[in-house]
Every structure is written in C-alpha cells, then in structure tokens.
Amino acid sequence: MQNSNNSNDEKARLEVLKSYEILDSPTEDDYNSLTFLASEIFNTPISLISLVDEERQWFKSKIGLNLSETDRDISFCTHTIDTSEDVYVVEDARKNPMFQNNPLVTGKPHIVFYAGAPLINPDGYVIGTLCVIDTKERSFSNQEADQLKILANQVMKLLDLRKKNIKLKILSNEKTILLKEIQHRVKNNLQLISS
C-alpha cells in the first residue's frame, strides 16, 4: 500500500482516484448490494463505500445515511487511507481523543463504532474505503476484519471492471469513427475510379 502521507504520493493517489471517473456518478445496484451485504453481515445501521478526494469523502453507496458526502477533515475514512492497517477500527469514538469532538460523533449520525477496509487499486493506491458504522460501542474480531476486507476487495474489483468498461467503450467509439472514415474514403476512391 502506498503511503499517502507524502504529498507526491497523495497527488498520485488523487490522480488514480480521478482515473476511475466515479466521483459524483449515479448510484449503481452492484455497489448498493455490497453495502447492504456489509450492513447485514456486521449488523450495523450504516455501511458506506466512501471515496476520498482532496476536500471530501463522497459516498458511492450508502445504507442508513442521508448525506452524500462529508468534509475530509472530519472523515473517519481519511484515517483509514492514511494508515497501513488492513482494517481501521474505532471501537468507541466517544472515548477516542482523535474523534470524541468530531461533529459526526457529537451530532448526527452519532458515530460510536467505525470499521473501515481500504479500497486498494492494483498499483497499491488507497482510493477510499468500505466501512461499517454503529451508534453503539462494539469490538471487531479478526474474522470480521477478514470478512470486511473480502467485501472491500469485491468493491475494488467492481471499480476496476467499471474503469475497464469505460476504456472499452471509448475504444469501441474510436473504432466506429475510424471505420466510418475508412468507408467514406473507400467510397470516394471508388467513385473517382469509376468516373
């Protein structure tokens, strides 16, 4: 995993995130199915696929939350992408000095428990997280951490597949334009020959 504390690495991480052309895209059932599954598996009222850009965390998919994004400076997911841990866990944010005064803890949605698994692209850049959130204190076992990582890997595979599909559509469109141009030139050449 790349260390996003270095400004050059952060710049590269943001370029990788933007290359997915996913930010501010409409909701998609495949992602919603994974957040629903995460919420069910871990019995949490909130589950999110969060993508972290320069100033915000934007939610590609969300269960149990009405917000579409939050500022990056109050984001729990920012800590997940900045750490080298496989899964970042906060068992009780009210007792954690880093989070106890966070407006997401002191106000709605009243986050107490957070577990986030990084979304790591094939080059090792962390572009976001799959996280589960609760309004009560909880522990998180190694088995649960492994399950969350598996789901996060599935989210990343969907993102990679989406990116490849976008590239294929662009190539297909370019091929269609090229074929039309070739057909037009051949037609013109045949008309010249016949005349």
N, C-alpha and C. Protein backbone atom coordinates (compact mmCIF):
# COMPACT_ATOMS: atom_id res chain seq x y z
N MET A 1 0.84 -1.17 0.00
CA MET A 1 0.00 0.00 0.00
C MET A 1 0.89 1.24 0.00
N GLN A 2 0.51 2.23 -0.80
CA GLN A 2 1.28 3.46 -0.89
C GLN A 2 1.07 4.30 0.37
N ASN A 3 2.10 5.00 0.80
CA ASN A 3 1.99 5.89 1.94
C ASN A 3 1.45 7.22 1.46
N SER A 4 0.21 7.55 1.81
CA SER A 4 -0.41 8.76 1.31
C SER A 4 -0.05 9.99 2.14
N ASN A 5 0.84 9.84 3.13
CA ASN A 5 1.28 11.00 3.91
C ASN A 5 2.21 11.88 3.09
N ASN A 6 2.95 11.32 2.17
CA ASN A 6 3.84 12.06 1.30
C ASN A 6 2.99 12.81 0.28
N SER A 7 3.26 14.12 0.06
CA SER A 7 2.44 14.92 -0.83
C SER A 7 2.49 14.42 -2.26
N ASN A 8 3.65 13.88 -2.70
CA ASN A 8 3.73 13.30 -4.05
C ASN A 8 2.85 12.07 -4.16
N ASP A 9 2.86 11.23 -3.13
CA ASP A 9 2.01 10.05 -3.13
C ASP A 9 0.53 10.46 -3.08
N GLU A 10 0.22 11.49 -2.33
CA GLU A 10 -1.17 11.96 -2.26
C GLU A 10 -1.61 12.49 -3.63
N LYS A 11 -0.74 13.19 -4.31
CA LYS A 11 -1.07 13.69 -5.65
C LYS A 11 -1.32 12.52 -6.59
N ALA A 12 -0.46 11.51 -6.55
CA ALA A 12 -0.62 10.32 -7.39
C ALA A 12 -1.90 9.57 -7.01
N ARG A 13 -2.18 9.48 -5.70
CA ARG A 13 -3.40 8.79 -5.24
C ARG A 13 -4.64 9.48 -5.79
N LEU A 14 -4.63 10.81 -5.76
CA LEU A 14 -5.78 11.56 -6.28
C LEU A 14 -5.93 11.40 -7.79
N GLU A 15 -4.81 11.34 -8.50
CA GLU A 15 -4.87 11.11 -9.96
C GLU A 15 -5.46 9.73 -10.26
N VAL A 16 -5.05 8.74 -9.46
CA VAL A 16 -5.59 7.38 -9.64
C VAL A 16 -7.10 7.39 -9.37
N LEU A 17 -7.51 8.03 -8.29
CA LEU A 17 -8.94 8.12 -7.96
C LEU A 17 -9.71 8.75 -9.13
N LYS A 18 -9.20 9.86 -9.65
CA LYS A 18 -9.89 10.55 -10.75
C LYS A 18 -9.93 9.69 -12.02
N SER A 19 -8.93 8.83 -12.20
CA SER A 19 -8.90 7.99 -13.40
C SER A 19 -10.07 7.01 -13.45
N TYR A 20 -10.70 6.76 -12.31
CA TYR A 20 -11.85 5.86 -12.28
C TYR A 20 -13.14 6.54 -12.76
N GLU A 21 -13.13 7.86 -12.87
CA GLU A 21 -14.30 8.62 -13.33
C GLU A 21 -15.56 8.19 -12.58
N ILE A 22 -15.43 8.06 -11.28
CA ILE A 22 -16.53 7.55 -10.46
C ILE A 22 -17.16 8.63 -9.58
N LEU A 23 -16.37 9.65 -9.23
CA LEU A 23 -16.88 10.68 -8.32
C LEU A 23 -18.13 11.34 -8.89
N ASP A 24 -19.13 11.49 -8.05
CA ASP A 24 -20.41 12.13 -8.38
C ASP A 24 -21.20 11.37 -9.44
N SER A 25 -20.89 10.09 -9.64
CA SER A 25 -21.67 9.27 -10.57
C SER A 25 -22.96 8.81 -9.88
N PRO A 26 -23.96 8.43 -10.68
CA PRO A 26 -25.21 7.95 -10.08
C PRO A 26 -25.01 6.66 -9.28
N THR A 27 -25.98 6.36 -8.44
CA THR A 27 -25.92 5.11 -7.68
C THR A 27 -26.02 3.93 -8.65
N GLU A 28 -25.44 2.81 -8.24
CA GLU A 28 -25.47 1.60 -9.06
C GLU A 28 -25.79 0.41 -8.16
N ASP A 29 -26.64 -0.46 -8.65
CA ASP A 29 -27.12 -1.60 -7.86
C ASP A 29 -26.00 -2.50 -7.35
N ASP A 30 -24.96 -2.72 -8.18
CA ASP A 30 -23.88 -3.62 -7.75
C ASP A 30 -23.20 -3.11 -6.48
N TYR A 31 -22.97 -1.82 -6.40
CA TYR A 31 -22.33 -1.23 -5.21
C TYR A 31 -23.31 -1.23 -4.03
N ASN A 32 -24.57 -0.90 -4.31
CA ASN A 32 -25.58 -0.91 -3.25
C ASN A 32 -25.75 -2.30 -2.65
N SER A 33 -25.62 -3.32 -3.47
CA SER A 33 -25.73 -4.70 -2.97
C SER A 33 -24.62 -5.01 -1.97
N LEU A 34 -23.42 -4.51 -2.25
CA LEU A 34 -22.29 -4.78 -1.34
C LEU A 34 -22.41 -4.00 -0.03
N THR A 35 -22.90 -2.76 -0.08
CA THR A 35 -23.08 -2.02 1.18
C THR A 35 -24.21 -2.65 1.99
N PHE A 36 -25.26 -3.09 1.31
CA PHE A 36 -26.35 -3.78 2.01
C PHE A 36 -25.84 -5.05 2.68
N LEU A 37 -25.05 -5.81 1.93
CA LEU A 37 -24.48 -7.05 2.46
C LEU A 37 -23.59 -6.78 3.67
N ALA A 38 -22.76 -5.74 3.59
CA ALA A 38 -21.89 -5.38 4.72
C ALA A 38 -22.72 -5.03 5.95
N SER A 39 -23.76 -4.24 5.75
CA SER A 39 -24.62 -3.85 6.87
C SER A 39 -25.30 -5.07 7.50
N GLU A 40 -25.70 -6.01 6.67
CA GLU A 40 -26.35 -7.23 7.16
C GLU A 40 -25.35 -8.14 7.89
N ILE A 41 -24.19 -8.35 7.29
CA ILE A 41 -23.19 -9.26 7.88
C ILE A 41 -22.75 -8.77 9.25
N PHE A 42 -22.51 -7.46 9.36
CA PHE A 42 -21.96 -6.91 10.60
C PHE A 42 -23.03 -6.32 11.51
N ASN A 43 -24.29 -6.42 11.07
CA ASN A 43 -25.41 -5.93 11.87
C ASN A 43 -25.20 -4.47 12.30
N THR A 44 -24.87 -3.63 11.32
CA THR A 44 -24.68 -2.20 11.59
C THR A 44 -25.74 -1.40 10.86
N PRO A 45 -26.18 -0.29 11.46
CA PRO A 45 -27.20 0.54 10.79
C PRO A 45 -26.66 1.33 9.60
N ILE A 46 -25.32 1.50 9.54
CA ILE A 46 -24.72 2.30 8.47
C ILE A 46 -23.59 1.51 7.81
N SER A 47 -23.58 1.56 6.48
CA SER A 47 -22.50 0.99 5.70
C SER A 47 -22.28 1.90 4.50
N LEU A 48 -21.00 2.15 4.16
CA LEU A 48 -20.68 3.11 3.11
C LEU A 48 -19.55 2.63 2.21
N ILE A 49 -19.64 2.97 0.94
CA ILE A 49 -18.49 2.93 0.04
C ILE A 49 -18.10 4.38 -0.12
N SER A 50 -16.96 4.72 0.44
CA SER A 50 -16.51 6.11 0.53
C SER A 50 -15.26 6.31 -0.31
N LEU A 51 -15.28 7.34 -1.15
CA LEU A 51 -14.12 7.70 -1.96
C LEU A 51 -13.63 9.06 -1.49
N VAL A 52 -12.33 9.15 -1.21
CA VAL A 52 -11.77 10.34 -0.56
C VAL A 52 -10.95 11.14 -1.56
N ASP A 53 -11.43 12.38 -1.86
CA ASP A 53 -10.66 13.25 -2.74
C ASP A 53 -9.98 14.34 -1.93
N GLU A 54 -9.62 15.46 -2.58
CA GLU A 54 -8.84 16.49 -1.88
C GLU A 54 -9.55 17.07 -0.67
N GLU A 55 -10.85 17.31 -0.80
CA GLU A 55 -11.57 18.05 0.24
C GLU A 55 -12.71 17.30 0.90
N ARG A 56 -13.06 16.17 0.38
CA ARG A 56 -14.26 15.49 0.89
C ARG A 56 -14.13 13.98 0.80
N GLN A 57 -15.06 13.33 1.49
CA GLN A 57 -15.30 11.92 1.24
C GLN A 57 -16.70 11.87 0.62
N TRP A 58 -16.77 11.23 -0.53
CA TRP A 58 -18.03 11.13 -1.26
C TRP A 58 -18.48 9.68 -1.23
N PHE A 59 -19.77 9.47 -1.03
CA PHE A 59 -20.31 8.13 -0.87
C PHE A 59 -20.88 7.60 -2.18
N LYS A 60 -20.21 6.62 -2.77
CA LYS A 60 -20.73 5.96 -3.97
C LYS A 60 -21.97 5.17 -3.63
N SER A 61 -21.97 4.59 -2.45
CA SER A 61 -23.13 3.82 -2.00
C SER A 61 -23.25 3.99 -0.49
N LYS A 62 -24.48 4.00 -0.01
CA LYS A 62 -24.70 4.21 1.43
C LYS A 62 -25.96 3.51 1.88
N ILE A 63 -25.87 2.96 3.06
CA ILE A 63 -27.01 2.38 3.75
C ILE A 63 -27.11 3.10 5.10
N GLY A 64 -28.28 3.62 5.43
CA GLY A 64 -28.51 4.20 6.75
C GLY A 64 -27.98 5.61 6.95
N LEU A 65 -27.67 6.32 5.88
CA LEU A 65 -27.14 7.68 5.99
C LEU A 65 -27.75 8.52 4.88
N ASN A 66 -28.20 9.73 5.23
CA ASN A 66 -28.82 10.61 4.24
C ASN A 66 -27.83 11.52 3.53
N LEU A 67 -26.62 11.63 4.05
CA LEU A 67 -25.62 12.50 3.46
C LEU A 67 -25.03 11.86 2.20
N SER A 68 -24.62 12.69 1.24
CA SER A 68 -23.94 12.15 0.06
C SER A 68 -22.43 12.35 0.16
N GLU A 69 -21.99 13.20 1.11
CA GLU A 69 -20.57 13.44 1.32
C GLU A 69 -20.37 14.17 2.64
N THR A 70 -19.14 14.18 3.13
CA THR A 70 -18.77 14.99 4.29
C THR A 70 -17.40 15.60 4.00
N ASP A 71 -17.04 16.61 4.77
CA ASP A 71 -15.71 17.20 4.63
C ASP A 71 -14.66 16.16 5.00
N ARG A 72 -13.56 16.20 4.29
CA ARG A 72 -12.48 15.24 4.53
C ARG A 72 -11.90 15.41 5.94
N ASP A 73 -11.86 16.64 6.44
CA ASP A 73 -11.21 16.87 7.73
C ASP A 73 -11.97 16.27 8.92
N ILE A 74 -13.21 15.87 8.72
CA ILE A 74 -13.95 15.19 9.81
C ILE A 74 -14.21 13.71 9.47
N SER A 75 -13.63 13.27 8.38
CA SER A 75 -13.87 11.92 7.87
C SER A 75 -13.07 10.86 8.64
N PHE A 76 -13.75 9.82 9.06
CA PHE A 76 -13.08 8.66 9.65
C PHE A 76 -12.29 7.94 8.56
N CYS A 77 -12.83 7.92 7.35
CA CYS A 77 -12.21 7.18 6.25
C CYS A 77 -10.84 7.75 5.87
N THR A 78 -10.63 9.05 6.10
CA THR A 78 -9.31 9.64 5.85
C THR A 78 -8.25 8.93 6.68
N HIS A 79 -8.60 8.58 7.91
CA HIS A 79 -7.66 7.87 8.79
C HIS A 79 -7.39 6.47 8.26
N THR A 80 -8.40 5.85 7.66
CA THR A 80 -8.22 4.52 7.09
C THR A 80 -7.24 4.56 5.92
N ILE A 81 -7.36 5.58 5.04
CA ILE A 81 -6.46 5.63 3.89
C ILE A 81 -5.06 6.07 4.27
N ASP A 82 -4.92 6.74 5.41
CA ASP A 82 -3.61 7.22 5.86
C ASP A 82 -2.85 6.21 6.72
N THR A 83 -3.46 5.10 7.04
CA THR A 83 -2.82 4.12 7.90
C THR A 83 -2.35 2.92 7.08
N SER A 84 -1.48 2.15 7.65
CA SER A 84 -1.04 0.92 6.96
C SER A 84 -1.82 -0.30 7.46
N GLU A 85 -2.81 -0.07 8.30
CA GLU A 85 -3.60 -1.18 8.84
C GLU A 85 -4.52 -1.75 7.76
N ASP A 86 -4.73 -3.06 7.80
CA ASP A 86 -5.64 -3.70 6.85
C ASP A 86 -7.08 -3.24 7.06
N VAL A 87 -7.47 -3.12 8.30
CA VAL A 87 -8.79 -2.62 8.66
C VAL A 87 -8.60 -1.66 9.83
N TYR A 88 -9.14 -0.46 9.69
CA TYR A 88 -9.02 0.56 10.73
C TYR A 88 -10.28 0.50 11.59
N VAL A 89 -10.09 0.30 12.90
CA VAL A 89 -11.23 0.12 13.80
C VAL A 89 -11.18 1.15 14.92
N VAL A 90 -12.33 1.76 15.17
CA VAL A 90 -12.52 2.63 16.33
C VAL A 90 -13.71 2.03 17.09
N GLU A 91 -13.43 1.43 18.25
CA GLU A 91 -14.48 0.73 18.99
C GLU A 91 -15.45 1.69 19.68
N ASP A 92 -14.94 2.82 20.18
CA ASP A 92 -15.80 3.82 20.80
C ASP A 92 -15.20 5.21 20.55
N ALA A 93 -15.74 5.88 19.55
CA ALA A 93 -15.22 7.19 19.16
C ALA A 93 -15.39 8.23 20.26
N ARG A 94 -16.36 8.03 21.15
CA ARG A 94 -16.60 8.98 22.25
C ARG A 94 -15.43 9.00 23.23
N LYS A 95 -14.69 7.89 23.30
CA LYS A 95 -13.57 7.76 24.23
C LYS A 95 -12.22 7.95 23.54
N ASN A 96 -12.23 8.14 22.24
CA ASN A 96 -11.00 8.27 21.47
C ASN A 96 -10.67 9.76 21.28
N PRO A 97 -9.52 10.22 21.77
CA PRO A 97 -9.17 11.64 21.69
C PRO A 97 -9.18 12.20 20.26
N MET A 98 -8.91 11.36 19.26
CA MET A 98 -8.93 11.82 17.87
C MET A 98 -10.34 12.11 17.36
N PHE A 99 -11.34 11.48 17.95
CA PHE A 99 -12.69 11.56 17.41
C PHE A 99 -13.74 12.11 18.36
N GLN A 100 -13.45 12.20 19.64
CA GLN A 100 -14.51 12.50 20.61
C GLN A 100 -15.20 13.84 20.38
N ASN A 101 -14.52 14.81 19.75
CA ASN A 101 -15.14 16.11 19.47
C ASN A 101 -15.58 16.24 18.01
N ASN A 102 -15.48 15.18 17.25
CA ASN A 102 -15.87 15.18 15.84
C ASN A 102 -17.38 15.42 15.75
N PRO A 103 -17.84 16.33 14.86
CA PRO A 103 -19.28 16.58 14.76
C PRO A 103 -20.09 15.37 14.31
N LEU A 104 -19.46 14.40 13.68
CA LEU A 104 -20.18 13.17 13.32
C LEU A 104 -20.36 12.25 14.52
N VAL A 105 -19.63 12.53 15.59
CA VAL A 105 -19.75 11.78 16.85
C VAL A 105 -20.69 12.52 17.80
N THR A 106 -20.48 13.83 17.94
CA THR A 106 -21.27 14.63 18.88
C THR A 106 -22.67 14.95 18.34
N GLY A 107 -22.84 14.88 17.03
CA GLY A 107 -24.13 15.13 16.39
C GLY A 107 -24.48 13.97 15.46
N LYS A 108 -25.51 14.17 14.66
CA LYS A 108 -25.92 13.12 13.73
C LYS A 108 -24.80 12.82 12.76
N PRO A 109 -24.53 11.57 12.49
CA PRO A 109 -25.28 10.35 12.81
C PRO A 109 -24.88 9.70 14.13
N HIS A 110 -24.14 10.43 15.00
CA HIS A 110 -23.74 9.92 16.32
C HIS A 110 -22.89 8.64 16.22
N ILE A 111 -21.82 8.75 15.46
CA ILE A 111 -20.93 7.60 15.27
C ILE A 111 -20.25 7.23 16.58
N VAL A 112 -20.32 5.97 16.94
CA VAL A 112 -19.60 5.45 18.09
C VAL A 112 -18.56 4.43 17.57
N PHE A 113 -19.03 3.46 16.81
CA PHE A 113 -18.15 2.41 16.28
C PHE A 113 -17.90 2.65 14.79
N TYR A 114 -16.66 2.41 14.36
CA TYR A 114 -16.29 2.52 12.95
C TYR A 114 -15.29 1.42 12.62
N ALA A 115 -15.51 0.73 11.50
CA ALA A 115 -14.52 -0.20 10.95
C ALA A 115 -14.47 0.04 9.45
N GLY A 116 -13.27 0.33 8.95
CA GLY A 116 -13.11 0.61 7.53
C GLY A 116 -12.00 -0.21 6.91
N ALA A 117 -12.29 -0.81 5.76
CA ALA A 117 -11.28 -1.54 4.99
C ALA A 117 -10.93 -0.70 3.76
N PRO A 118 -9.65 -0.53 3.49
CA PRO A 118 -9.25 0.30 2.36
C PRO A 118 -9.58 -0.33 1.01
N LEU A 119 -9.91 0.54 0.05
CA LEU A 119 -10.09 0.13 -1.34
C LEU A 119 -8.76 0.39 -2.04
N ILE A 120 -8.02 -0.68 -2.30
CA ILE A 120 -6.66 -0.56 -2.81
C ILE A 120 -6.64 -0.97 -4.29
N ASN A 121 -6.21 -0.04 -5.15
CA ASN A 121 -6.17 -0.35 -6.58
C ASN A 121 -4.98 -1.27 -6.89
N PRO A 122 -4.90 -1.83 -8.11
CA PRO A 122 -3.82 -2.78 -8.43
C PRO A 122 -2.41 -2.21 -8.26
N ASP A 123 -2.26 -0.88 -8.32
CA ASP A 123 -0.94 -0.26 -8.12
C ASP A 123 -0.65 0.05 -6.66
N GLY A 124 -1.59 -0.28 -5.76
CA GLY A 124 -1.36 -0.10 -4.34
C GLY A 124 -1.85 1.21 -3.76
N TYR A 125 -2.57 2.01 -4.54
CA TYR A 125 -3.09 3.28 -4.02
C TYR A 125 -4.45 3.06 -3.37
N VAL A 126 -4.65 3.68 -2.21
CA VAL A 126 -5.92 3.57 -1.50
C VAL A 126 -6.80 4.74 -1.93
N ILE A 127 -7.89 4.43 -2.61
CA ILE A 127 -8.76 5.49 -3.13
C ILE A 127 -9.99 5.74 -2.26
N GLY A 128 -10.24 4.85 -1.34
CA GLY A 128 -11.40 5.01 -0.47
C GLY A 128 -11.52 3.84 0.48
N THR A 129 -12.74 3.64 0.97
CA THR A 129 -12.97 2.57 1.94
C THR A 129 -14.35 1.95 1.77
N LEU A 130 -14.48 0.75 2.28
CA LEU A 130 -15.78 0.18 2.59
C LEU A 130 -15.83 0.17 4.11
N CYS A 131 -16.82 0.85 4.67
CA CYS A 131 -16.86 0.92 6.13
C CYS A 131 -18.24 0.59 6.68
N VAL A 132 -18.23 0.14 7.91
CA VAL A 132 -19.46 -0.12 8.66
C VAL A 132 -19.40 0.72 9.93
N ILE A 133 -20.57 1.26 10.29
CA ILE A 133 -20.66 2.22 11.39
C ILE A 133 -21.83 1.86 12.28
N ASP A 134 -21.63 2.05 13.58
CA ASP A 134 -22.71 1.79 14.53
C ASP A 134 -22.81 2.95 15.51
N THR A 135 -23.95 3.05 16.17
CA THR A 135 -24.18 4.10 17.16
C THR A 135 -23.97 3.59 18.58
N LYS A 136 -23.37 2.41 18.67
CA LYS A 136 -23.04 1.87 19.98
C LYS A 136 -21.65 1.27 19.94
N GLU A 137 -21.03 1.14 21.09
CA GLU A 137 -19.68 0.58 21.20
C GLU A 137 -19.70 -0.89 20.81
N ARG A 138 -18.64 -1.29 20.10
CA ARG A 138 -18.52 -2.68 19.67
C ARG A 138 -17.06 -3.06 19.61
N SER A 139 -16.82 -4.35 19.62
CA SER A 139 -15.48 -4.86 19.30
C SER A 139 -15.58 -5.44 17.89
N PHE A 140 -14.42 -5.73 17.30
CA PHE A 140 -14.37 -6.24 15.93
C PHE A 140 -13.32 -7.33 15.89
N SER A 141 -13.74 -8.55 15.63
CA SER A 141 -12.83 -9.69 15.66
C SER A 141 -11.97 -9.74 14.41
N ASN A 142 -10.92 -10.55 14.47
CA ASN A 142 -10.07 -10.76 13.29
C ASN A 142 -10.87 -11.38 12.15
N GLN A 143 -11.80 -12.28 12.49
CA GLN A 143 -12.64 -12.90 11.46
C GLN A 143 -13.51 -11.83 10.79
N GLU A 144 -14.08 -10.92 11.57
CA GLU A 144 -14.89 -9.85 11.00
C GLU A 144 -14.03 -8.93 10.12
N ALA A 145 -12.82 -8.65 10.57
CA ALA A 145 -11.91 -7.83 9.77
C ALA A 145 -11.62 -8.50 8.43
N ASP A 146 -11.40 -9.81 8.45
CA ASP A 146 -11.16 -10.55 7.21
C ASP A 146 -12.38 -10.48 6.28
N GLN A 147 -13.57 -10.60 6.86
CA GLN A 147 -14.79 -10.53 6.05
C GLN A 147 -14.95 -9.14 5.41
N LEU A 148 -14.65 -8.09 6.17
CA LEU A 148 -14.75 -6.73 5.63
C LEU A 148 -13.74 -6.52 4.51
N LYS A 149 -12.52 -7.06 4.67
CA LYS A 149 -11.50 -6.96 3.62
C LYS A 149 -11.96 -7.67 2.34
N ILE A 150 -12.59 -8.82 2.49
CA ILE A 150 -13.09 -9.56 1.32
C ILE A 150 -14.13 -8.73 0.58
N LEU A 151 -15.04 -8.12 1.32
CA LEU A 151 -16.05 -7.27 0.68
C LEU A 151 -15.40 -6.04 0.02
N ALA A 152 -14.41 -5.46 0.68
CA ALA A 152 -13.71 -4.31 0.10
C ALA A 152 -13.00 -4.70 -1.19
N ASN A 153 -12.42 -5.91 -1.22
CA ASN A 153 -11.80 -6.39 -2.46
C ASN A 153 -12.82 -6.53 -3.58
N GLN A 154 -14.03 -6.94 -3.25
CA GLN A 154 -15.08 -7.04 -4.26
C GLN A 154 -15.48 -5.67 -4.78
N VAL A 155 -15.54 -4.69 -3.88
CA VAL A 155 -15.82 -3.31 -4.32
C VAL A 155 -14.74 -2.85 -5.29
N MET A 156 -13.48 -3.11 -4.95
CA MET A 156 -12.37 -2.68 -5.81
C MET A 156 -12.44 -3.38 -7.16
N LYS A 157 -12.81 -4.65 -7.17
CA LYS A 157 -12.95 -5.37 -8.45
C LYS A 157 -14.05 -4.74 -9.31
N LEU A 158 -15.15 -4.33 -8.67
CA LEU A 158 -16.21 -3.64 -9.41
C LEU A 158 -15.71 -2.32 -9.99
N LEU A 159 -14.95 -1.58 -9.19
CA LEU A 159 -14.40 -0.31 -9.66
C LEU A 159 -13.45 -0.52 -10.84
N ASP A 160 -12.59 -1.54 -10.73
CA ASP A 160 -11.66 -1.84 -11.82
C ASP A 160 -12.41 -2.27 -13.08
N LEU A 161 -13.44 -3.09 -12.91
CA LEU A 161 -14.23 -3.53 -14.05
C LEU A 161 -14.95 -2.35 -14.71
N ARG A 162 -15.48 -1.47 -13.90
CA ARG A 162 -16.15 -0.26 -14.41
C ARG A 162 -15.16 0.58 -15.23
N LYS A 163 -13.96 0.75 -14.70
CA LYS A 163 -12.92 1.52 -15.40
C LYS A 163 -12.57 0.88 -16.74
N LYS A 164 -12.42 -0.44 -16.75
CA LYS A 164 -12.11 -1.15 -18.00
C LYS A 164 -13.24 -1.01 -19.00
N ASN A 165 -14.48 -1.08 -18.53
CA ASN A 165 -15.63 -0.92 -19.42
C ASN A 165 -15.67 0.47 -20.05
N ILE A 166 -15.32 1.49 -19.29
CA ILE A 166 -15.27 2.84 -19.83
C ILE A 166 -14.22 2.91 -20.93
N LYS A 167 -13.05 2.33 -20.69
CA LYS A 167 -11.98 2.31 -21.71
C LYS A 167 -12.43 1.57 -22.96
N LEU A 168 -13.12 0.43 -22.77
CA LEU A 168 -13.59 -0.35 -23.92
C LEU A 168 -14.62 0.44 -24.74
N LYS A 169 -15.51 1.17 -24.06
CA LYS A 169 -16.48 1.99 -24.78
C LYS A 169 -15.79 3.07 -25.59
N ILE A 170 -14.78 3.69 -25.01
CA ILE A 170 -14.03 4.73 -25.73
C ILE A 170 -13.36 4.12 -26.95
N LEU A 171 -12.70 2.97 -26.78
CA LEU A 171 -12.04 2.30 -27.90
C LEU A 171 -13.04 1.87 -28.97
N SER A 172 -14.19 1.39 -28.55
CA SER A 172 -15.23 0.98 -29.49
C SER A 172 -15.73 2.18 -30.29
N ASN A 173 -15.94 3.30 -29.61
CA ASN A 173 -16.38 4.52 -30.30
C ASN A 173 -15.32 5.00 -31.29
N GLU A 174 -14.05 4.95 -30.89
CA GLU A 174 -12.96 5.36 -31.78
C GLU A 174 -12.90 4.43 -33.00
N LYS A 175 -13.09 3.14 -32.77
CA LYS A 175 -13.07 2.17 -33.86
C LYS A 175 -14.22 2.45 -34.83
N THR A 176 -15.40 2.74 -34.30
CA THR A 176 -16.56 3.04 -35.15
C THR A 176 -16.30 4.28 -36.00
N ILE A 177 -15.73 5.31 -35.40
CA ILE A 177 -15.41 6.54 -36.14
C ILE A 177 -14.37 6.25 -37.22
N LEU A 178 -13.36 5.48 -36.88
CA LEU A 178 -12.32 5.13 -37.84
C LEU A 178 -12.90 4.32 -39.01
N LEU A 179 -13.76 3.36 -38.72
CA LEU A 179 -14.37 2.55 -39.78
C LEU A 179 -15.24 3.41 -40.69
N LYS A 180 -15.98 4.34 -40.13
CA LYS A 180 -16.81 5.24 -40.94
C LYS A 180 -15.93 6.10 -41.85
N GLU A 181 -14.80 6.57 -41.31
CA GLU A 181 -13.87 7.37 -42.10
C GLU A 181 -13.27 6.54 -43.24
N ILE A 182 -12.91 5.30 -42.95
CA ILE A 182 -12.34 4.40 -43.98
C ILE A 182 -13.39 4.12 -45.05
N GLN A 183 -14.62 3.82 -44.62
CA GLN A 183 -15.70 3.56 -45.58
C GLN A 183 -15.94 4.77 -46.48
N HIS A 184 -15.92 5.94 -45.89
CA HIS A 184 -16.13 7.17 -46.65
C HIS A 184 -15.01 7.36 -47.68
N ARG A 185 -13.78 7.14 -47.28
CA ARG A 185 -12.64 7.30 -48.20
C ARG A 185 -12.68 6.26 -49.31
N VAL A 186 -12.98 5.00 -48.95
CA VAL A 186 -13.07 3.95 -49.96
C VAL A 186 -14.17 4.29 -50.96
N LYS A 187 -15.30 4.73 -50.47
CA LYS A 187 -16.43 5.11 -51.34
C LYS A 187 -16.00 6.22 -52.29
N ASN A 188 -15.32 7.24 -51.75
CA ASN A 188 -14.85 8.35 -52.59
C ASN A 188 -13.85 7.87 -53.63
N ASN A 189 -12.93 7.00 -53.22
CA ASN A 189 -11.93 6.47 -54.16
C ASN A 189 -12.59 5.64 -55.26
N LEU A 190 -13.57 4.83 -54.91
CA LEU A 190 -14.28 4.02 -55.91
C LEU A 190 -15.04 4.91 -56.89
N GLN A 191 -15.61 6.01 -56.39
CA GLN A 191 -16.31 6.94 -57.27
C GLN A 191 -15.34 7.59 -58.25
N LEU A 192 -14.14 7.93 -57.73
CA LEU A 192 -13.12 8.51 -58.61
C LEU A 192 -12.69 7.53 -59.69
N ILE A 193 -12.49 6.27 -59.30
CA ILE A 193 -12.06 5.24 -60.24
C ILE A 193 -13.15 5.01 -61.29
N SER A 194 -14.39 4.92 -60.86
CA SER A 194 -15.47 4.65 -61.79
C SER A 194 -15.72 5.82 -62.74
N SER A 195 -15.42 7.02 -62.31
CA SER A 195 -15.61 8.16 -63.20
C SER A 195 -14.41 8.33 -64.10
